[in-house]
Amino acid sequence: SGGILTMLENAGDTHVAAQNQVIAGSSG
């Protein structure tokens, strides 16, 4: 068997909050 499955849904307003990050190296 073979076919196509479709889905329609509503995500609302979903987001990932900001997480400020520091990229560190040997000089800071």
PDB file of all heavy atoms in Angstrom:
ATOM      1  N   SER A   1       0.830  -1.199   0.000  1.00  0.00           N
ATOM      2  CA  SER A   1       0.000   0.000   0.000  1.00  0.00           C
ATOM      3  C   SER A   1       0.867   1.253   0.000  1.00  0.00           C
ATOM      4  O   SER A   1       1.990   1.248   0.492  1.00  0.00           O
ATOM      5  CB  SER A   1      -0.951   0.001   1.196  1.00  0.00           C
ATOM      6  OG  SER A   1      -0.247  -0.139   2.400  1.00  0.00           O
ATOM      7  N   GLY A   2       0.330   2.304  -0.558  1.00  0.00           N
ATOM      8  CA  GLY A   2       0.987   3.600  -0.578  1.00  0.00           C
ATOM      9  C   GLY A   2      -0.074   4.678  -0.582  1.00  0.00           C
ATOM     10  O   GLY A   2      -1.199   4.451  -1.029  1.00  0.00           O
ATOM     11  N   GLY A   3       0.283   5.826  -0.058  1.00  0.00           N
ATOM     12  CA  GLY A   3      -0.706   6.891  -0.022  1.00  0.00           C
ATOM     13  C   GLY A   3      -0.142   8.195   0.477  1.00  0.00           C
ATOM     14  O   GLY A   3       1.060   8.356   0.651  1.00  0.00           O
ATOM     15  N   ILE A   4      -1.051   9.108   0.728  1.00  0.00           N
ATOM     16  CA  ILE A   4      -0.707  10.438   1.236  1.00  0.00           C
ATOM     17  C   ILE A   4      -1.599  10.728   2.437  1.00  0.00           C
ATOM     18  O   ILE A   4      -2.822  10.619   2.352  1.00  0.00           O
ATOM     19  CB  ILE A   4      -0.902  11.512   0.159  1.00  0.00           C
ATOM     20  CG1 ILE A   4       0.058  11.269  -0.992  1.00  0.00           C
ATOM     21  CG2 ILE A   4      -0.712  12.895   0.735  1.00  0.00           C
ATOM     22  CD1 ILE A   4      -0.068  12.244  -2.128  1.00  0.00           C
ATOM     23  N   LEU A   5      -0.965  11.084   3.532  1.00  0.00           N
ATOM     24  CA  LEU A   5      -1.669  11.444   4.756  1.00  0.00           C
ATOM     25  C   LEU A   5      -1.527  12.947   4.944  1.00  0.00           C
ATOM     26  O   LEU A   5      -0.421  13.484   4.831  1.00  0.00           O
ATOM     27  CB  LEU A   5      -1.066  10.710   5.948  1.00  0.00           C
ATOM     28  CG  LEU A   5      -1.688  10.976   7.304  1.00  0.00           C
ATOM     29  CD1 LEU A   5      -3.105  10.416   7.356  1.00  0.00           C
ATOM     30  CD2 LEU A   5      -0.848  10.350   8.402  1.00  0.00           C
ATOM     31  N   THR A   6      -2.630  13.647   5.189  1.00  0.00           N
ATOM     32  CA  THR A   6      -2.595  15.089   5.419  1.00  0.00           C
ATOM     33  C   THR A   6      -3.218  15.420   6.763  1.00  0.00           C
ATOM     34  O   THR A   6      -4.085  14.692   7.251  1.00  0.00           O
ATOM     35  CB  THR A   6      -3.351  15.859   4.315  1.00  0.00           C
ATOM     36  OG1 THR A   6      -4.716  15.458   4.330  1.00  0.00           O
ATOM     37  CG2 THR A   6      -2.745  15.600   2.957  1.00  0.00           C
ATOM     38  N   MET A   7      -2.746  16.512   7.358  1.00  0.00           N
ATOM     39  CA  MET A   7      -3.274  16.930   8.650  1.00  0.00           C
ATOM     40  C   MET A   7      -3.289  18.452   8.700  1.00  0.00           C
ATOM     41  O   MET A   7      -2.315  19.109   8.319  1.00  0.00           O
ATOM     42  CB  MET A   7      -2.408  16.384   9.779  1.00  0.00           C
ATOM     43  CG  MET A   7      -2.903  16.778  11.146  1.00  0.00           C
ATOM     44  SD  MET A   7      -1.954  16.051  12.485  1.00  0.00           S
ATOM     45  CE  MET A   7      -0.358  16.804  12.234  1.00  0.00           C
ATOM     46  N   LEU A   8      -4.382  19.012   9.169  1.00  0.00           N
ATOM     47  CA  LEU A   8      -4.529  20.453   9.366  1.00  0.00           C
ATOM     48  C   LEU A   8      -4.799  20.681  10.843  1.00  0.00           C
ATOM     49  O   LEU A   8      -5.708  20.073  11.409  1.00  0.00           O
ATOM     50  CB  LEU A   8      -5.691  20.991   8.519  1.00  0.00           C
ATOM     51  CG  LEU A   8      -6.037  22.458   8.688  1.00  0.00           C
ATOM     52  CD1 LEU A   8      -4.898  23.339   8.189  1.00  0.00           C
ATOM     53  CD2 LEU A   8      -7.317  22.787   7.953  1.00  0.00           C
ATOM     54  N   GLU A   9      -3.980  21.542  11.472  1.00  0.00           N
ATOM     55  CA  GLU A   9      -4.167  21.838  12.898  1.00  0.00           C
ATOM     56  C   GLU A   9      -3.765  23.273  13.171  1.00  0.00           C
ATOM     57  O   GLU A   9      -3.229  23.940  12.298  1.00  0.00           O
ATOM     58  CB  GLU A   9      -3.376  20.844  13.764  1.00  0.00           C
ATOM     59  CG  GLU A   9      -1.915  20.711  13.419  1.00  0.00           C
ATOM     60  CD  GLU A   9      -0.993  21.473  14.349  1.00  0.00           C
ATOM     61  OE1 GLU A   9      -1.478  22.147  15.255  1.00  0.00           O
ATOM     62  OE2 GLU A   9       0.209  21.393  14.144  1.00  0.00           O
ATOM     63  N   ASN A  10      -4.030  23.751  14.390  1.00  0.00           N
ATOM     64  CA  ASN A  10      -3.735  25.127  14.746  1.00  0.00           C
ATOM     65  C   ASN A  10      -2.778  25.156  15.930  1.00  0.00           C
ATOM     66  O   ASN A  10      -3.110  24.672  17.007  1.00  0.00           O
ATOM     67  CB  ASN A  10      -5.022  25.865  15.088  1.00  0.00           C
ATOM     68  CG  ASN A  10      -4.786  27.342  15.324  1.00  0.00           C
ATOM     69  OD1 ASN A  10      -3.657  27.824  15.289  1.00  0.00           O
ATOM     70  ND2 ASN A  10      -5.847  28.069  15.572  1.00  0.00           N
ATOM     71  N   ALA A  11      -1.599  25.738  15.724  1.00  0.00           N
ATOM     72  CA  ALA A  11      -0.578  25.791  16.776  1.00  0.00           C
ATOM     73  C   ALA A  11      -0.783  26.954  17.730  1.00  0.00           C
ATOM     74  O   ALA A  11      -0.090  27.055  18.735  1.00  0.00           O
ATOM     75  CB  ALA A  11       0.801  25.894  16.137  1.00  0.00           C
ATOM     76  N   GLY A  12      -1.705  27.853  17.426  1.00  0.00           N
ATOM     77  CA  GLY A  12      -1.876  29.034  18.272  1.00  0.00           C
ATOM     78  C   GLY A  12      -0.674  29.952  18.104  1.00  0.00           C
ATOM     79  O   GLY A  12      -0.230  30.222  17.004  1.00  0.00           O
ATOM     80  N   ASP A  13      -0.089  30.408  19.210  1.00  0.00           N
ATOM     81  CA  ASP A  13       1.090  31.271  19.181  1.00  0.00           C
ATOM     82  C   ASP A  13       2.147  30.646  20.075  1.00  0.00           C
ATOM     83  O   ASP A  13       2.266  30.978  21.249  1.00  0.00           O
ATOM     84  CB  ASP A  13       0.722  32.675  19.666  1.00  0.00           C
ATOM     85  CG  ASP A  13       1.867  33.652  19.527  1.00  0.00           C
ATOM     86  OD1 ASP A  13       2.803  33.364  18.766  1.00  0.00           O
ATOM     87  OD2 ASP A  13       1.825  34.698  20.194  1.00  0.00           O
ATOM     88  N   THR A  14       2.918  29.726  19.542  1.00  0.00           N
ATOM     89  CA  THR A  14       3.911  28.980  20.302  1.00  0.00           C
ATOM     90  C   THR A  14       5.298  29.511  19.974  1.00  0.00           C
ATOM     91  O   THR A  14       5.679  29.567  18.813  1.00  0.00           O
ATOM     92  CB  THR A  14       3.832  27.482  19.924  1.00  0.00           C
ATOM     93  OG1 THR A  14       2.488  27.055  20.072  1.00  0.00           O
ATOM     94  CG2 THR A  14       4.721  26.655  20.814  1.00  0.00           C
ATOM     95  N   HIS A  15       6.048  29.928  20.988  1.00  0.00           N
ATOM     96  CA  HIS A  15       7.393  30.442  20.734  1.00  0.00           C
ATOM     97  C   HIS A  15       8.351  30.030  21.841  1.00  0.00           C
ATOM     98  O   HIS A  15       7.942  29.690  22.938  1.00  0.00           O
ATOM     99  CB  HIS A  15       7.388  31.962  20.562  1.00  0.00           C
ATOM    100  CG  HIS A  15       7.053  32.691  21.823  1.00  0.00           C
ATOM    101  ND1 HIS A  15       5.773  32.891  22.240  1.00  0.00           N
ATOM    102  CD2 HIS A  15       7.850  33.246  22.767  1.00  0.00           C
ATOM    103  CE1 HIS A  15       5.776  33.548  23.382  1.00  0.00           C
ATOM    104  NE2 HIS A  15       7.020  33.772  23.718  1.00  0.00           N
ATOM    105  N   VAL A  16       9.634  30.053  21.501  1.00  0.00           N
ATOM    106  CA  VAL A  16      10.706  29.769  22.452  1.00  0.00           C
ATOM    107  C   VAL A  16      11.240  31.110  22.935  1.00  0.00           C
ATOM    108  O   VAL A  16      11.598  31.961  22.125  1.00  0.00           O
ATOM    109  CB  VAL A  16      11.837  28.949  21.781  1.00  0.00           C
ATOM    110  CG1 VAL A  16      13.024  28.809  22.707  1.00  0.00           C
ATOM    111  CG2 VAL A  16      11.323  27.592  21.358  1.00  0.00           C
ATOM    112  N   ALA A  17      11.278  31.304  24.251  1.00  0.00           N
ATOM    113  CA  ALA A  17      11.733  32.571  24.815  1.00  0.00           C
ATOM    114  C   ALA A  17      13.236  32.758  24.604  1.00  0.00           C
ATOM    115  O   ALA A  17      13.990  31.792  24.481  1.00  0.00           O
ATOM    116  CB  ALA A  17      11.408  32.621  26.302  1.00  0.00           C
ATOM    117  N   ALA A  18      13.661  34.015  24.580  1.00  0.00           N
ATOM    118  CA  ALA A  18      15.074  34.346  24.396  1.00  0.00           C
ATOM    119  C   ALA A  18      15.890  33.855  25.582  1.00  0.00           C
ATOM    120  O   ALA A  18      15.470  33.947  26.730  1.00  0.00           O
ATOM    121  CB  ALA A  18      15.234  35.848  24.247  1.00  0.00           C
ATOM    122  N   GLN A  19      17.058  33.311  25.278  1.00  0.00           N
ATOM    123  CA  GLN A  19      18.011  32.906  26.308  1.00  0.00           C
ATOM    124  C   GLN A  19      19.365  33.447  25.871  1.00  0.00           C
ATOM    125  O   GLN A  19      20.086  32.802  25.116  1.00  0.00           O
ATOM    126  CB  GLN A  19      18.072  31.378  26.428  1.00  0.00           C
ATOM    127  CG  GLN A  19      16.762  30.766  26.864  1.00  0.00           C
ATOM    128  CD  GLN A  19      16.830  29.247  26.861  1.00  0.00           C
ATOM    129  OE1 GLN A  19      17.834  28.648  26.529  1.00  0.00           O
ATOM    130  NE2 GLN A  19      15.744  28.630  27.251  1.00  0.00           N
ATOM    131  N   ASN A  20      19.706  34.658  26.320  1.00  0.00           N
ATOM    132  CA  ASN A  20      20.985  35.240  25.913  1.00  0.00           C
ATOM    133  C   ASN A  20      22.116  34.332  26.341  1.00  0.00           C
ATOM    134  O   ASN A  20      22.098  33.743  27.407  1.00  0.00           O
ATOM    135  CB  ASN A  20      21.152  36.633  26.515  1.00  0.00           C
ATOM    136  CG  ASN A  20      20.263  37.630  25.821  1.00  0.00           C
ATOM    137  OD1 ASN A  20      20.017  37.529  24.633  1.00  0.00           O
ATOM    138  ND2 ASN A  20      19.768  38.597  26.581  1.00  0.00           N
ATOM    139  N   GLN A  21      23.123  34.216  25.489  1.00  0.00           N
ATOM    140  CA  GLN A  21      24.189  33.258  25.663  1.00  0.00           C
ATOM    141  C   GLN A  21      25.526  33.975  25.523  1.00  0.00           C
ATOM    142  O   GLN A  21      25.622  34.990  24.847  1.00  0.00           O
ATOM    143  CB  GLN A  21      24.043  32.178  24.588  1.00  0.00           C
ATOM    144  CG  GLN A  21      25.065  31.098  24.617  1.00  0.00           C
ATOM    145  CD  GLN A  21      24.883  30.151  23.439  1.00  0.00           C
ATOM    146  OE1 GLN A  21      24.156  30.455  22.498  1.00  0.00           O
ATOM    147  NE2 GLN A  21      25.528  29.034  23.477  1.00  0.00           N
ATOM    148  N   VAL A  22      26.554  33.435  26.153  1.00  0.00           N
ATOM    149  CA  VAL A  22      27.905  33.976  26.011  1.00  0.00           C
ATOM    150  C   VAL A  22      28.755  32.928  25.317  1.00  0.00           C
ATOM    151  O   VAL A  22      28.793  31.772  25.736  1.00  0.00           O
ATOM    152  CB  VAL A  22      28.514  34.337  27.381  1.00  0.00           C
ATOM    153  CG1 VAL A  22      29.969  34.748  27.238  1.00  0.00           C
ATOM    154  CG2 VAL A  22      27.709  35.442  28.036  1.00  0.00           C
ATOM    155  N   ILE A  23      29.416  33.313  24.226  1.00  0.00           N
ATOM    156  CA  ILE A  23      30.357  32.427  23.556  1.00  0.00           C
ATOM    157  C   ILE A  23      31.724  32.731  24.146  1.00  0.00           C
ATOM    158  O   ILE A  23      32.244  33.829  23.995  1.00  0.00           O
ATOM    159  CB  ILE A  23      30.374  32.663  22.032  1.00  0.00           C
ATOM    160  CG1 ILE A  23      29.007  32.331  21.443  1.00  0.00           C
ATOM    161  CG2 ILE A  23      31.441  31.804  21.372  1.00  0.00           C
ATOM    162  CD1 ILE A  23      28.920  32.530  19.957  1.00  0.00           C
ATOM    163  N   ALA A  24      32.306  31.761  24.848  1.00  0.00           N
ATOM    164  CA  ALA A  24      33.569  31.978  25.561  1.00  0.00           C
ATOM    165  C   ALA A  24      34.727  31.363  24.802  1.00  0.00           C
ATOM    166  O   ALA A  24      34.586  30.351  24.127  1.00  0.00           O
ATOM    167  CB  ALA A  24      33.485  31.388  26.957  1.00  0.00           C
ATOM    168  N   GLY A  25      35.863  31.974  24.931  1.00  0.00           N
ATOM    169  CA  GLY A  25      37.105  31.464  24.362  1.00  0.00           C
ATOM    170  C   GLY A  25      38.237  31.702  25.355  1.00  0.00           C
ATOM    171  O   GLY A  25      38.016  32.168  26.477  1.00  0.00           O
ATOM    172  N   SER A  26      39.456  31.437  24.956  1.00  0.00           N
ATOM    173  CA  SER A  26      40.598  31.609  25.857  1.00  0.00           C
ATOM    174  C   SER A  26      40.832  33.081  26.214  1.00  0.00           C
ATOM    175  O   SER A  26      41.398  33.390  27.249  1.00  0.00           O
ATOM    176  CB  SER A  26      41.855  31.011  25.231  1.00  0.00           C
ATOM    177  OG  SER A  26      42.113  31.634  23.984  1.00  0.00           O
ATOM    178  N   SER A  27      40.384  33.990  25.357  1.00  0.00           N
ATOM    179  CA  SER A  27      40.590  35.418  25.627  1.00  0.00           C
ATOM    180  C   SER A  27      39.358  36.082  26.232  1.00  0.00           C
ATOM    181  O   SER A  27      39.273  37.297  26.265  1.00  0.00           O
ATOM    182  CB  SER A  27      40.976  36.131  24.331  1.00  0.00           C
ATOM    183  OG  SER A  27      39.921  36.002  23.394  1.00  0.00           O
ATOM    184  N   GLY A  28      38.373  35.316  26.694  1.00  0.00           N
ATOM    185  CA  GLY A  28      37.179  35.889  27.302  1.00  0.00           C
ATOM    186  C   GLY A  28      35.931  35.497  26.548  1.00  0.00           C
ATOM    187  O   GLY A  28      35.961  34.656  25.657  1.00  0.00           O
TER     188      GLY A  28
END
